[in-house]
Amino acid sequence: MGKFKDLLLSIVALAVSYTVYKSSALLFNSISNGFLAEFLQHGIFAVAVFLSVLVLRKTCIYRSDLRKLKAGWPSALIILLLISVPAIQAFTMISDISVTGFEFILFLAKMLLIGYCEEVLFRGLIQNAFHKIFGENNTLRVFLGVICGAFCFGAIHLGNILNPEVSLSAAALQAIYSFFSGILLGTVYFRTGKDLWVVILLHAINDFFAFIVTGRLSGSDVGQAISSASSSLAANSGPLRLFVTFCIYAAVSLFLLRPKKIKQLQEL
């Protein structure tokens, strides 16, 4: 039972934080500026997450090991390579951006807050809890921890079905691709010596370009942006494509977590 205690407490922290996050929307629904309302809502979310870490006495997740970070940072290039596609698309849409400078700053801050909240919860707390259950002394055990953390990360995105503008199929597809990205983020997290700040930044950069591509800075609200992204994915995704994508991401993860690298991290 001792091995599962951290996981149960992490799930409670996740549930409480997301409940506070969703409920806080009621506080700001009278604000006409959507960017300001979303920023304030995610600010409340960040406070809830931070307090959860304090209550669980897990502030150690914020500490970086520079030796392990130095050894593992090249793995982050994998994520940056995947981000390059939406980044190129985003740059072609710069002329369509129709927000004020203040709204753009709020948007940037929101991306960082999202990265912070989700990475602390899913990598810092939940993935670490799975690592404690499975162990970290070989590739398979570490990979199981990464996969389980990524599955939880994908599953939480099913909550977007509560948005009336998002269909069940759209939410499901977003959850699947979030699971895929969670595999790589979880792998990079482990390879960099569990450095949260690296994956927080990568997460924020990815969301920044993804939201631009889906029109968030061109007049679309959050629900429309999610629907747009899911429609685009649906148009290019079938069962075989999803299976192949999973196999590729899993193969990349297993390569980055190969025994030689696990041993290298243990010796640092």
C-alpha atoms as a PDB file:
ATOM      1  CA  MET A   1       0.000   0.000   0.000  1.00  0.00           C
ATOM      2  CA  GLY A   2       2.944   2.290   0.731  1.00  0.00           C
ATOM      3  CA  LYS A   3       3.943   2.347  -2.947  1.00  0.00           C
ATOM      4  CA  PHE A   4       0.469   3.464  -3.986  1.00  0.00           C
ATOM      5  CA  LYS A   5       0.124   6.194  -1.348  1.00  0.00           C
ATOM      6  CA  ASP A   6       1.888   8.823  -3.485  1.00  0.00           C
ATOM      7  CA  LEU A   7      -0.243   7.950  -6.497  1.00  0.00           C
ATOM      8  CA  LEU A   8      -3.511   8.207  -4.559  1.00  0.00           C
ATOM      9  CA  LEU A   9      -2.485  11.537  -3.016  1.00  0.00           C
ATOM     10  CA  SER A  10      -1.369  12.818  -6.437  1.00  0.00           C
ATOM     11  CA  ILE A  11      -4.737  11.884  -7.962  1.00  0.00           C
ATOM     12  CA  VAL A  12      -6.504  13.720  -5.134  1.00  0.00           C
ATOM     13  CA  ALA A  13      -4.289  16.775  -5.767  1.00  0.00           C
ATOM     14  CA  LEU A  14      -5.125  16.535  -9.469  1.00  0.00           C
ATOM     15  CA  ALA A  15      -8.861  16.291  -8.794  1.00  0.00           C
ATOM     16  CA  VAL A  16      -8.853  19.202  -6.333  1.00  0.00           C
ATOM     17  CA  SER A  17      -6.736  21.434  -8.585  1.00  0.00           C
ATOM     18  CA  TYR A  18      -8.883  20.816 -11.660  1.00  0.00           C
ATOM     19  CA  THR A  19     -12.083  21.318  -9.661  1.00  0.00           C
ATOM     20  CA  VAL A  20     -10.788  24.683  -8.472  1.00  0.00           C
ATOM     21  CA  TYR A  21      -9.727  25.496 -12.042  1.00  0.00           C
ATOM     22  CA  LYS A  22     -13.096  24.673 -13.584  1.00  0.00           C
ATOM     23  CA  SER A  23     -15.054  26.318 -10.787  1.00  0.00           C
ATOM     24  CA  SER A  24     -13.014  29.516 -10.985  1.00  0.00           C
ATOM     25  CA  ALA A  25     -14.442  30.131 -14.473  1.00  0.00           C
ATOM     26  CA  LEU A  26     -17.651  31.234 -12.723  1.00  0.00           C
ATOM     27  CA  LEU A  27     -15.734  34.050 -11.042  1.00  0.00           C
ATOM     28  CA  PHE A  28     -14.614  35.571 -14.310  1.00  0.00           C
ATOM     29  CA  ASN A  29     -17.481  34.889 -16.717  1.00  0.00           C
ATOM     30  CA  SER A  30     -18.560  38.509 -16.443  1.00  0.00           C
ATOM     31  CA  ILE A  31     -15.239  39.747 -17.827  1.00  0.00           C
ATOM     32  CA  SER A  32     -15.724  40.690 -21.468  1.00  0.00           C
ATOM     33  CA  ASN A  33     -12.059  40.228 -22.409  1.00  0.00           C
ATOM     34  CA  GLY A  34     -11.638  36.470 -22.879  1.00  0.00           C
ATOM     35  CA  PHE A  35      -7.842  36.628 -22.688  1.00  0.00           C
ATOM     36  CA  LEU A  36      -7.953  38.335 -19.294  1.00  0.00           C
ATOM     37  CA  ALA A  37     -10.579  35.914 -17.993  1.00  0.00           C
ATOM     38  CA  GLU A  38      -8.548  32.891 -19.115  1.00  0.00           C
ATOM     39  CA  PHE A  39      -5.350  34.311 -17.630  1.00  0.00           C
ATOM     40  CA  LEU A  40      -7.028  34.861 -14.246  1.00  0.00           C
ATOM     41  CA  GLN A  41      -8.572  31.396 -14.328  1.00  0.00           C
ATOM     42  CA  HIS A  42      -5.206  29.771 -15.019  1.00  0.00           C
ATOM     43  CA  GLY A  43      -3.633  31.944 -12.329  1.00  0.00           C
ATOM     44  CA  ILE A  44      -6.080  30.422  -9.833  1.00  0.00           C
ATOM     45  CA  PHE A  45      -5.214  26.996 -11.240  1.00  0.00           C
ATOM     46  CA  ALA A  46      -1.481  27.640 -10.693  1.00  0.00           C
ATOM     47  CA  VAL A  47      -2.078  28.704  -7.086  1.00  0.00           C
ATOM     48  CA  ALA A  48      -4.093  25.515  -6.452  1.00  0.00           C
ATOM     49  CA  VAL A  49      -1.322  23.379  -7.958  1.00  0.00           C
ATOM     50  CA  PHE A  50       1.389  25.176  -5.982  1.00  0.00           C
ATOM     51  CA  LEU A  51      -0.540  24.729  -2.732  1.00  0.00           C
ATOM     52  CA  SER A  52      -1.077  21.040  -3.559  1.00  0.00           C
ATOM     53  CA  VAL A  53       2.672  20.565  -3.849  1.00  0.00           C
ATOM     54  CA  LEU A  54       3.201  22.300  -0.512  1.00  0.00           C
ATOM     55  CA  VAL A  55       0.524  20.208   1.225  1.00  0.00           C
ATOM     56  CA  LEU A  56       2.019  16.993  -0.167  1.00  0.00           C
ATOM     57  CA  ARG A  57       5.516  18.185   0.787  1.00  0.00           C
ATOM     58  CA  LYS A  58       6.798  17.543  -2.704  1.00  0.00           C
ATOM     59  CA  THR A  59       8.717  20.784  -3.241  1.00  0.00           C
ATOM     60  CA  CYS A  60      11.724  18.605  -4.142  1.00  0.00           C
ATOM     61  CA  ILE A  61      10.228  18.251  -7.643  1.00  0.00           C
ATOM     62  CA  TYR A  62      11.282  21.833  -8.360  1.00  0.00           C
ATOM     63  CA  ARG A  63      14.985  21.149  -7.831  1.00  0.00           C
ATOM     64  CA  SER A  64      17.258  20.635 -10.820  1.00  0.00           C
ATOM     65  CA  ASP A  65      20.299  18.363 -11.032  1.00  0.00           C
ATOM     66  CA  LEU A  66      22.593  20.216 -13.406  1.00  0.00           C
ATOM     67  CA  ARG A  67      24.731  17.141 -14.060  1.00  0.00           C
ATOM     68  CA  LYS A  68      21.773  15.087 -15.240  1.00  0.00           C
ATOM     69  CA  LEU A  69      20.334  18.047 -17.105  1.00  0.00           C
ATOM     70  CA  LYS A  70      23.607  18.458 -18.986  1.00  0.00           C
ATOM     71  CA  ALA A  71      23.582  14.778 -19.923  1.00  0.00           C
ATOM     72  CA  GLY A  72      19.926  14.663 -20.977  1.00  0.00           C
ATOM     73  CA  TRP A  73      19.139  18.008 -22.591  1.00  0.00           C
ATOM     74  CA  PRO A  74      19.716  16.774 -26.206  1.00  0.00           C
ATOM     75  CA  SER A  75      16.622  14.577 -25.790  1.00  0.00           C
ATOM     76  CA  ALA A  76      14.574  17.779 -25.661  1.00  0.00           C
ATOM     77  CA  LEU A  77      15.506  18.381 -29.307  1.00  0.00           C
ATOM     78  CA  ILE A  78      13.060  15.598 -30.216  1.00  0.00           C
ATOM     79  CA  ILE A  79      10.203  17.702 -28.857  1.00  0.00           C
ATOM     80  CA  LEU A  80      11.493  20.833 -30.563  1.00  0.00           C
ATOM     81  CA  LEU A  81      11.623  18.950 -33.856  1.00  0.00           C
ATOM     82  CA  LEU A  82       7.954  17.990 -33.515  1.00  0.00           C
ATOM     83  CA  ILE A  83       7.090  21.566 -32.554  1.00  0.00           C
ATOM     84  CA  SER A  84       8.746  22.874 -35.707  1.00  0.00           C
ATOM     85  CA  VAL A  85       5.776  21.866 -37.898  1.00  0.00           C
ATOM     86  CA  PRO A  86       3.104  23.926 -36.087  1.00  0.00           C
ATOM     87  CA  ALA A  87       5.723  26.660 -35.601  1.00  0.00           C
ATOM     88  CA  ILE A  88       6.158  27.020 -39.367  1.00  0.00           C
ATOM     89  CA  GLN A  89       2.379  27.059 -39.805  1.00  0.00           C
ATOM     90  CA  ALA A  90       2.057  29.665 -37.063  1.00  0.00           C
ATOM     91  CA  PHE A  91       4.529  32.010 -38.746  1.00  0.00           C
ATOM     92  CA  THR A  92       2.464  31.900 -41.939  1.00  0.00           C
ATOM     93  CA  MET A  93      -0.551  33.097 -39.925  1.00  0.00           C
ATOM     94  CA  ILE A  94       1.074  36.129 -38.305  1.00  0.00           C
ATOM     95  CA  SER A  95      -0.878  38.471 -40.581  1.00  0.00           C
ATOM     96  CA  ASP A  96      -4.141  37.001 -39.216  1.00  0.00           C
ATOM     97  CA  ILE A  97      -3.364  37.824 -35.588  1.00  0.00           C
ATOM     98  CA  SER A  98      -5.929  40.307 -34.325  1.00  0.00           C
ATOM     99  CA  VAL A  99      -5.191  40.902 -30.647  1.00  0.00           C
ATOM    100  CA  THR A 100      -3.818  43.866 -28.748  1.00  0.00           C
ATOM    101  CA  GLY A 101      -0.338  43.883 -27.244  1.00  0.00           C
ATOM    102  CA  PHE A 102      -1.849  43.471 -23.778  1.00  0.00           C
ATOM    103  CA  GLU A 103      -3.874  40.436 -24.879  1.00  0.00           C
ATOM    104  CA  PHE A 104      -0.789  38.907 -26.477  1.00  0.00           C
ATOM    105  CA  ILE A 105       1.122  39.249 -23.203  1.00  0.00           C
ATOM    106  CA  LEU A 106      -1.782  37.640 -21.339  1.00  0.00           C
ATOM    107  CA  PHE A 107      -1.758  34.835 -23.903  1.00  0.00           C
ATOM    108  CA  LEU A 108       1.984  34.220 -23.387  1.00  0.00           C
ATOM    109  CA  ALA A 109       1.549  34.214 -19.619  1.00  0.00           C
ATOM    110  CA  LYS A 110      -1.340  31.768 -19.923  1.00  0.00           C
ATOM    111  CA  MET A 111       0.823  29.369 -21.966  1.00  0.00           C
ATOM    112  CA  LEU A 112       3.445  29.373 -19.210  1.00  0.00           C
ATOM    113  CA  LEU A 113       0.787  28.838 -16.558  1.00  0.00           C
ATOM    114  CA  ILE A 114      -0.669  25.887 -18.481  1.00  0.00           C
ATOM    115  CA  GLY A 115       2.804  24.397 -18.873  1.00  0.00           C
ATOM    116  CA  TYR A 116       3.509  24.859 -15.172  1.00  0.00           C
ATOM    117  CA  CYS A 117       0.206  23.421 -13.927  1.00  0.00           C
ATOM    118  CA  GLU A 118       0.055  20.381 -16.184  1.00  0.00           C
ATOM    119  CA  GLU A 119       3.722  19.447 -15.905  1.00  0.00           C
ATOM    120  CA  VAL A 120       3.759  19.751 -12.120  1.00  0.00           C
ATOM    121  CA  LEU A 121       0.660  17.575 -11.846  1.00  0.00           C
ATOM    122  CA  PHE A 122       1.380  14.966 -14.496  1.00  0.00           C
ATOM    123  CA  ARG A 123       5.163  14.736 -14.492  1.00  0.00           C
ATOM    124  CA  GLY A 124       6.144  16.099 -11.085  1.00  0.00           C
ATOM    125  CA  LEU A 125       3.479  14.267  -9.078  1.00  0.00           C
ATOM    126  CA  ILE A 126       1.748  11.514 -11.049  1.00  0.00           C
ATOM    127  CA  GLN A 127       4.608  10.225 -13.208  1.00  0.00           C
ATOM    128  CA  ASN A 128       6.938  10.247 -10.205  1.00  0.00           C
ATOM    129  CA  ALA A 129       4.333   8.264  -8.254  1.00  0.00           C
ATOM    130  CA  PHE A 130       4.274   5.642 -11.013  1.00  0.00           C
ATOM    131  CA  HIS A 131       8.079   5.533 -11.035  1.00  0.00           C
ATOM    132  CA  LYS A 132       7.929   4.785  -7.320  1.00  0.00           C
ATOM    133  CA  ILE A 133       5.521   1.913  -7.993  1.00  0.00           C
ATOM    134  CA  PHE A 134       7.378   0.368 -10.941  1.00  0.00           C
ATOM    135  CA  GLY A 135      10.944   1.315 -10.023  1.00  0.00           C
ATOM    136  CA  GLU A 136      13.596   3.050 -12.100  1.00  0.00           C
ATOM    137  CA  ASN A 137      16.341   0.457 -12.439  1.00  0.00           C
ATOM    138  CA  ASN A 138      15.714  -0.646 -16.023  1.00  0.00           C
ATOM    139  CA  THR A 139      14.238   0.584 -19.297  1.00  0.00           C
ATOM    140  CA  LEU A 140      10.940  -1.302 -19.085  1.00  0.00           C
ATOM    141  CA  ARG A 141      10.165  -0.108 -15.565  1.00  0.00           C
ATOM    142  CA  VAL A 142      10.915   3.516 -16.416  1.00  0.00           C
ATOM    143  CA  PHE A 143       8.911   3.256 -19.652  1.00  0.00           C
ATOM    144  CA  LEU A 144       5.885   1.915 -17.739  1.00  0.00           C
ATOM    145  CA  GLY A 145       6.036   4.954 -15.467  1.00  0.00           C
ATOM    146  CA  VAL A 146       6.204   7.263 -18.478  1.00  0.00           C
ATOM    147  CA  ILE A 147       3.311   5.514 -20.259  1.00  0.00           C
ATOM    148  CA  CYS A 148       1.038   5.553 -17.207  1.00  0.00           C
ATOM    149  CA  GLY A 149       1.736   9.232 -16.562  1.00  0.00           C
ATOM    150  CA  ALA A 150       1.054  10.011 -20.231  1.00  0.00           C
ATOM    151  CA  PHE A 151      -2.200   8.027 -20.128  1.00  0.00           C
ATOM    152  CA  CYS A 152      -3.439  10.146 -17.203  1.00  0.00           C
ATOM    153  CA  PHE A 153      -2.374  13.276 -19.090  1.00  0.00           C
ATOM    154  CA  GLY A 154      -4.363  12.191 -22.137  1.00  0.00           C
ATOM    155  CA  ALA A 155      -7.392  11.108 -20.116  1.00  0.00           C
ATOM    156  CA  ILE A 156      -7.805  14.488 -18.411  1.00  0.00           C
ATOM    157  CA  HIS A 157      -8.287  16.111 -21.826  1.00  0.00           C
ATOM    158  CA  LEU A 158     -11.512  14.149 -22.222  1.00  0.00           C
ATOM    159  CA  GLY A 159     -12.898  16.769 -19.854  1.00  0.00           C
ATOM    160  CA  ASN A 160     -13.144  19.115 -22.844  1.00  0.00           C
ATOM    161  CA  ILE A 161     -16.343  17.290 -23.740  1.00  0.00           C
ATOM    162  CA  LEU A 162     -17.976  19.572 -21.143  1.00  0.00           C
ATOM    163  CA  ASN A 163     -17.438  22.431 -23.587  1.00  0.00           C
ATOM    164  CA  PRO A 164     -20.592  22.577 -25.754  1.00  0.00           C
ATOM    165  CA  GLU A 165     -18.484  23.476 -28.804  1.00  0.00           C
ATOM    166  CA  VAL A 166     -16.398  20.294 -28.526  1.00  0.00           C
ATOM    167  CA  SER A 167     -17.808  16.957 -29.701  1.00  0.00           C
ATOM    168  CA  LEU A 168     -17.034  13.639 -28.031  1.00  0.00           C
ATOM    169  CA  SER A 169     -14.983  12.494 -31.026  1.00  0.00           C
ATOM    170  CA  ALA A 170     -13.009  15.754 -31.006  1.00  0.00           C
ATOM    171  CA  ALA A 171     -12.292  15.454 -27.282  1.00  0.00           C
ATOM    172  CA  ALA A 172     -11.296  11.793 -27.688  1.00  0.00           C
ATOM    173  CA  LEU A 173      -8.898  12.596 -30.512  1.00  0.00           C
ATOM    174  CA  GLN A 174      -7.339  15.418 -28.541  1.00  0.00           C
ATOM    175  CA  ALA A 175      -6.937  13.042 -25.586  1.00  0.00           C
ATOM    176  CA  ILE A 176      -5.165  10.490 -27.780  1.00  0.00           C
ATOM    177  CA  TYR A 177      -2.700  13.016 -29.163  1.00  0.00           C
ATOM    178  CA  SER A 178      -2.156  14.439 -25.674  1.00  0.00           C
ATOM    179  CA  PHE A 179      -1.274  10.897 -24.586  1.00  0.00           C
ATOM    180  CA  PHE A 180       1.258  10.715 -27.411  1.00  0.00           C
ATOM    181  CA  SER A 181       2.853  14.052 -26.500  1.00  0.00           C
ATOM    182  CA  GLY A 182       2.811  12.979 -22.849  1.00  0.00           C
ATOM    183  CA  ILE A 183       5.020  10.027 -23.752  1.00  0.00           C
ATOM    184  CA  LEU A 184       7.705  12.313 -25.145  1.00  0.00           C
ATOM    185  CA  LEU A 185       7.381  14.930 -22.417  1.00  0.00           C
ATOM    186  CA  GLY A 186       7.603  12.204 -19.781  1.00  0.00           C
ATOM    187  CA  THR A 187      10.662  10.739 -21.470  1.00  0.00           C
ATOM    188  CA  VAL A 188      12.429  14.095 -21.661  1.00  0.00           C
ATOM    189  CA  TYR A 189      11.489  14.727 -18.036  1.00  0.00           C
ATOM    190  CA  PHE A 190      13.209  11.532 -16.930  1.00  0.00           C
ATOM    191  CA  ARG A 191      16.216  11.955 -19.236  1.00  0.00           C
ATOM    192  CA  THR A 192      16.945  15.465 -17.934  1.00  0.00           C
ATOM    193  CA  GLY A 193      17.112  14.190 -14.371  1.00  0.00           C
ATOM    194  CA  LYS A 194      13.444  15.025 -13.723  1.00  0.00           C
ATOM    195  CA  ASP A 195      13.913  18.688 -14.512  1.00  0.00           C
ATOM    196  CA  LEU A 196      10.419  20.185 -14.465  1.00  0.00           C
ATOM    197  CA  TRP A 197      11.495  23.527 -15.898  1.00  0.00           C
ATOM    198  CA  VAL A 198      12.601  21.958 -19.186  1.00  0.00           C
ATOM    199  CA  VAL A 199       9.266  20.235 -19.826  1.00  0.00           C
ATOM    200  CA  ILE A 200       7.302  23.262 -18.592  1.00  0.00           C
ATOM    201  CA  LEU A 201       9.045  25.402 -21.215  1.00  0.00           C
ATOM    202  CA  LEU A 202       8.627  22.785 -23.959  1.00  0.00           C
ATOM    203  CA  HIS A 203       4.946  22.381 -23.080  1.00  0.00           C
ATOM    204  CA  ALA A 204       4.391  26.147 -23.187  1.00  0.00           C
ATOM    205  CA  ILE A 205       6.175  26.531 -26.536  1.00  0.00           C
ATOM    206  CA  ASN A 206       4.153  23.696 -28.067  1.00  0.00           C
ATOM    207  CA  ASP A 207       0.840  25.129 -26.835  1.00  0.00           C
ATOM    208  CA  PHE A 208       1.816  28.617 -27.993  1.00  0.00           C
ATOM    209  CA  PHE A 209       2.232  27.571 -31.618  1.00  0.00           C
ATOM    210  CA  ALA A 210      -0.666  25.103 -31.521  1.00  0.00           C
ATOM    211  CA  PHE A 211      -3.099  27.773 -30.324  1.00  0.00           C
ATOM    212  CA  ILE A 212      -1.940  30.208 -32.992  1.00  0.00           C
ATOM    213  CA  VAL A 213      -2.440  27.592 -35.718  1.00  0.00           C
ATOM    214  CA  THR A 214      -5.972  26.853 -34.477  1.00  0.00           C
ATOM    215  CA  GLY A 215      -6.898  30.537 -34.615  1.00  0.00           C
ATOM    216  CA  ARG A 216      -6.834  31.481 -30.939  1.00  0.00           C
ATOM    217  CA  LEU A 217      -5.161  34.789 -31.812  1.00  0.00           C
ATOM    218  CA  SER A 218      -7.362  35.316 -34.849  1.00  0.00           C
ATOM    219  CA  GLY A 219     -10.769  35.578 -33.236  1.00  0.00           C
ATOM    220  CA  SER A 220     -11.532  31.991 -32.179  1.00  0.00           C
ATOM    221  CA  ASP A 221     -12.403  31.188 -28.567  1.00  0.00           C
ATOM    222  CA  VAL A 222     -10.958  28.196 -26.709  1.00  0.00           C
ATOM    223  CA  GLY A 223     -13.774  25.823 -27.689  1.00  0.00           C
ATOM    224  CA  GLN A 224     -13.501  26.759 -31.349  1.00  0.00           C
ATOM    225  CA  ALA A 225      -9.715  26.362 -31.208  1.00  0.00           C
ATOM    226  CA  ILE A 226     -10.003  22.848 -29.756  1.00  0.00           C
ATOM    227  CA  SER A 227     -12.633  21.887 -32.332  1.00  0.00           C
ATOM    228  CA  SER A 228     -10.473  23.297 -35.131  1.00  0.00           C
ATOM    229  CA  ALA A 229      -7.435  21.340 -33.969  1.00  0.00           C
ATOM    230  CA  SER A 230      -9.424  18.125 -33.569  1.00  0.00           C
ATOM    231  CA  SER A 231     -11.082  18.525 -36.984  1.00  0.00           C
ATOM    232  CA  SER A 232      -7.665  18.936 -38.562  1.00  0.00           C
ATOM    233  CA  LEU A 233      -6.384  15.838 -36.794  1.00  0.00           C
ATOM    234  CA  ALA A 234      -9.507  13.850 -37.668  1.00  0.00           C
ATOM    235  CA  ALA A 235      -9.095  14.673 -41.339  1.00  0.00           C
ATOM    236  CA  ASN A 236      -5.634  13.104 -41.296  1.00  0.00           C
ATOM    237  CA  SER A 237      -6.061  10.361 -38.712  1.00  0.00           C
ATOM    238  CA  GLY A 238      -7.419   6.852 -38.910  1.00  0.00           C
ATOM    239  CA  PRO A 239      -6.905   3.821 -36.668  1.00  0.00           C
ATOM    240  CA  LEU A 240      -3.808   2.758 -38.604  1.00  0.00           C
ATOM    241  CA  ARG A 241      -2.263   6.230 -38.457  1.00  0.00           C
ATOM    242  CA  LEU A 242      -2.902   6.457 -34.722  1.00  0.00           C
ATOM    243  CA  PHE A 243      -1.341   3.033 -34.176  1.00  0.00           C
ATOM    244  CA  VAL A 244       1.714   3.920 -36.254  1.00  0.00           C
ATOM    245  CA  THR A 245       2.071   7.242 -34.416  1.00  0.00           C
ATOM    246  CA  PHE A 246       1.967   5.450 -31.074  1.00  0.00           C
ATOM    247  CA  CYS A 247       4.583   2.937 -32.242  1.00  0.00           C
ATOM    248  CA  ILE A 248       6.886   5.743 -33.386  1.00  0.00           C
ATOM    249  CA  TYR A 249       6.540   7.697 -30.148  1.00  0.00           C
ATOM    250  CA  ALA A 250       7.002   4.553 -28.057  1.00  0.00           C
ATOM    251  CA  ALA A 251      10.082   3.590 -30.093  1.00  0.00           C
ATOM    252  CA  VAL A 252      11.585   7.053 -29.614  1.00  0.00           C
ATOM    253  CA  SER A 253      10.877   6.851 -25.885  1.00  0.00           C
ATOM    254  CA  LEU A 254      12.433   3.406 -25.533  1.00  0.00           C
ATOM    255  CA  PHE A 255      15.480   4.547 -27.482  1.00  0.00           C
ATOM    256  CA  LEU A 256      15.979   7.574 -25.243  1.00  0.00           C
ATOM    257  CA  LEU A 257      15.467   5.370 -22.181  1.00  0.00           C
ATOM    258  CA  ARG A 258      17.768   2.577 -23.365  1.00  0.00           C
ATOM    259  CA  PRO A 259      19.767   0.733 -20.669  1.00  0.00           C
ATOM    260  CA  LYS A 260      22.949   2.675 -21.400  1.00  0.00           C
ATOM    261  CA  LYS A 261      21.223   5.979 -20.646  1.00  0.00           C
ATOM    262  CA  ILE A 262      19.452   4.652 -17.559  1.00  0.00           C
ATOM    263  CA  LYS A 263      22.802   3.503 -16.194  1.00  0.00           C
ATOM    264  CA  GLN A 264      24.395   6.833 -17.072  1.00  0.00           C
ATOM    265  CA  LEU A 265      21.734   8.706 -15.100  1.00  0.00           C
ATOM    266  CA  GLN A 266      22.161   6.375 -12.122  1.00  0.00           C
ATOM    267  CA  GLU A 267      25.913   6.977 -12.056  1.00  0.00           C
ATOM    268  CA  LEU A 268      25.691  10.781 -12.104  1.00  0.00           C
END
